[in-house]
């Protein structure tokens, strides 16, 4: 009986080891290259031009930058074609970039927009237009 249990324990540990070795590596942080990716500068009918957002399909990263010394934060809001909503909140101040990672389905599309908001409030004061739909797995834009 000890021999059987010992063999099962070794088989189980070998399976765990094999799984750990073959699993894909996760991103430790945001990708370095954002140069050719979906960019969406924001503006509203009220004249606010205070935010900038991007999506990177390599790891499902978003980033949002505050461009205005107005005392407000910026939020990149996103929506997928399968109904998921999310926010990437930047309260660091003008000129600062906030990176956010979300695990999105690879078979869908996402679009996003940037809003101005007071850091202590859930109310969005002004929002820009939504970006075009973007393929989550490839970053291909659908104009």
Protein backbone atom coordinates (compact mmCIF):
# COMPACT_ATOMS: atom_id res chain seq x y z
CA UNK A 1 0.00 0.00 0.00
CA UNK A 2 2.85 2.41 0.80
CA UNK A 3 4.40 1.66 -2.58
CA UNK A 4 1.11 2.48 -4.40
CA UNK A 5 0.60 5.74 -2.46
CA UNK A 6 4.23 6.74 -3.03
CA UNK A 7 3.84 6.12 -6.77
CA UNK A 8 0.63 8.17 -6.88
CA UNK A 9 2.30 11.03 -4.99
CA UNK A 10 5.22 11.04 -7.44
CA UNK A 11 2.85 10.94 -10.43
CA UNK A 12 0.81 13.83 -9.00
CA UNK A 13 3.91 15.93 -8.35
CA UNK A 14 5.19 15.21 -11.87
CA UNK A 15 1.87 16.38 -13.33
CA UNK A 16 2.03 19.61 -11.31
CA UNK A 17 5.63 20.20 -12.39
CA UNK A 18 4.79 19.57 -16.05
CA UNK A 19 1.86 21.99 -15.91
CA UNK A 20 3.98 24.70 -14.35
CA UNK A 21 6.70 24.32 -16.98
CA UNK A 22 4.37 24.40 -19.99
CA UNK A 23 2.08 27.21 -18.82
CA UNK A 24 2.43 30.45 -20.83
CA UNK A 25 4.35 33.23 -19.12
CA UNK A 26 2.23 36.13 -17.88
CA UNK A 27 3.23 39.76 -18.41
CA UNK A 28 4.98 41.15 -15.36
CA UNK A 29 4.03 44.67 -16.38
CA UNK A 30 2.70 46.73 -19.27
CA UNK A 31 4.21 46.20 -22.72
CA UNK A 32 7.05 48.52 -23.75
CA UNK A 33 5.87 49.28 -27.29
CA UNK A 34 2.71 51.39 -27.63
CA UNK A 35 3.78 53.21 -30.80
CA UNK A 36 1.41 51.71 -33.36
CA UNK A 37 -1.57 50.92 -31.18
CA UNK A 38 -5.10 52.22 -30.91
CA UNK A 39 -4.91 55.78 -29.66
CA UNK A 40 -7.92 57.85 -28.78
CA UNK A 41 -7.43 61.52 -27.88
CA UNK A 42 -10.44 62.91 -26.12
CA UNK A 43 -12.50 66.02 -26.41
CA UNK A 44 -16.05 66.97 -25.53
CA UNK A 45 -18.56 69.49 -26.79
CA UNK A 46 -17.81 71.56 -23.67
CA UNK A 47 -14.23 72.01 -24.87
CA UNK A 48 -12.51 69.67 -22.42
CA UNK A 49 -9.44 68.15 -24.06
CA UNK A 50 -7.90 66.65 -20.94
CA UNK A 51 -7.32 62.94 -21.54
CA UNK A 52 -5.75 60.38 -23.82
CA UNK A 53 -6.29 56.61 -23.87
CA UNK A 54 -4.84 53.56 -25.63
CA UNK A 55 -5.46 49.82 -25.78
CA UNK A 56 -2.69 47.24 -26.28
CA UNK A 57 -3.87 43.78 -27.35
CA UNK A 58 -0.58 42.29 -26.10
CA UNK A 59 -1.79 41.29 -22.65
CA UNK A 60 -5.03 43.31 -22.68
CA UNK A 61 -3.51 46.52 -21.32
CA UNK A 62 -5.05 49.98 -21.31
CA UNK A 63 -3.34 53.22 -20.46
CA UNK A 64 -4.77 56.64 -19.80
CA UNK A 65 -2.98 59.95 -19.47
CA UNK A 66 -4.19 63.15 -17.86
CA UNK A 67 -3.31 66.09 -20.12
CA UNK A 68 -4.83 68.98 -18.17
CA UNK A 69 -3.76 70.89 -15.03
CA UNK A 70 -7.41 71.23 -13.98
CA UNK A 71 -7.45 69.39 -10.64
CA UNK A 72 -9.57 66.54 -12.00
CA UNK A 73 -8.62 62.94 -12.69
CA UNK A 74 -9.27 60.99 -15.87
CA UNK A 75 -10.83 57.58 -16.36
CA UNK A 76 -10.57 55.32 -19.38
CA UNK A 77 -13.85 53.44 -19.59
CA UNK A 78 -14.18 50.36 -21.78
CA UNK A 79 -16.96 48.11 -23.02
CA UNK A 80 -16.69 44.78 -24.83
CA UNK A 81 -19.09 43.39 -27.41
CA UNK A 82 -19.95 40.65 -24.89
CA UNK A 83 -21.12 43.14 -22.24
CA UNK A 84 -18.13 43.64 -19.93
CA UNK A 85 -17.52 47.15 -18.62
CA UNK A 86 -14.44 48.45 -16.83
CA UNK A 87 -12.53 51.55 -15.72
CA UNK A 88 -8.85 52.45 -15.68
CA UNK A 89 -8.65 55.35 -13.20
CA UNK A 90 -5.86 57.92 -13.21
CA UNK A 91 -5.72 60.29 -10.23
CA UNK A 92 -1.96 60.90 -10.40
CA UNK A 93 -2.17 64.36 -11.95
CA UNK A 94 -1.43 66.04 -15.24
CA UNK A 95 1.22 64.45 -17.42
CA UNK A 96 1.08 61.14 -15.57
CA UNK A 97 0.22 57.82 -17.22
CA UNK A 98 -1.85 55.06 -15.55
CA UNK A 99 -1.62 51.47 -16.82
CA UNK A 100 -4.38 48.91 -16.20
CA UNK A 101 -4.47 45.23 -17.10
CA UNK A 102 -7.72 43.34 -17.71
CA UNK A 103 -8.13 39.73 -18.74
CA UNK A 104 -10.49 40.07 -21.70
CA UNK A 105 -11.87 37.29 -23.90
CA UNK A 106 -9.70 36.88 -26.97
CA UNK A 107 -12.72 36.32 -29.24
CA UNK A 108 -14.32 39.69 -28.73
CA UNK A 109 -14.03 43.38 -29.50
CA UNK A 110 -13.58 46.36 -27.21
CA UNK A 111 -14.06 50.10 -27.49
CA UNK A 112 -13.18 52.79 -24.96
CA UNK A 113 -13.49 56.44 -24.11
CA UNK A 114 -11.96 58.85 -21.61
CA UNK A 115 -13.86 60.84 -19.00
CA UNK A 116 -13.00 63.59 -16.54
CA UNK A 117 -13.94 62.98 -12.94
CA UNK A 118 -13.30 64.36 -9.48
CA UNK A 119 -11.07 61.87 -7.65
CA UNK A 120 -13.45 61.53 -4.71
CA UNK A 121 -16.62 61.12 -6.75
CA UNK A 122 -18.05 58.37 -8.96
CA UNK A 123 -19.70 61.01 -11.18
CA UNK A 124 -18.20 61.59 -14.64
CA UNK A 125 -18.11 65.31 -15.40
CA UNK A 126 -17.34 65.11 -19.13
CA UNK A 127 -16.64 62.24 -21.50
CA UNK A 128 -15.21 62.04 -24.98
CA UNK A 129 -16.44 59.97 -27.88
CA UNK A 130 -16.02 56.21 -27.98
CA UNK A 131 -13.17 54.74 -29.98
CA UNK A 132 -13.93 52.45 -32.91
CA UNK A 133 -14.34 48.75 -32.10
CA UNK A 134 -10.97 46.99 -31.74
CA UNK A 135 -10.27 43.25 -31.96
CA UNK A 136 -9.08 42.12 -28.51
CA UNK A 137 -6.73 39.43 -29.79
CA UNK A 138 -5.02 41.44 -32.56
CA UNK A 139 -5.69 45.13 -31.99
CA UNK A 140 -7.24 45.46 -35.47
CA UNK A 141 -9.43 48.56 -35.65
CA UNK A 142 -12.93 48.46 -37.19
CA UNK A 143 -13.63 51.90 -38.56
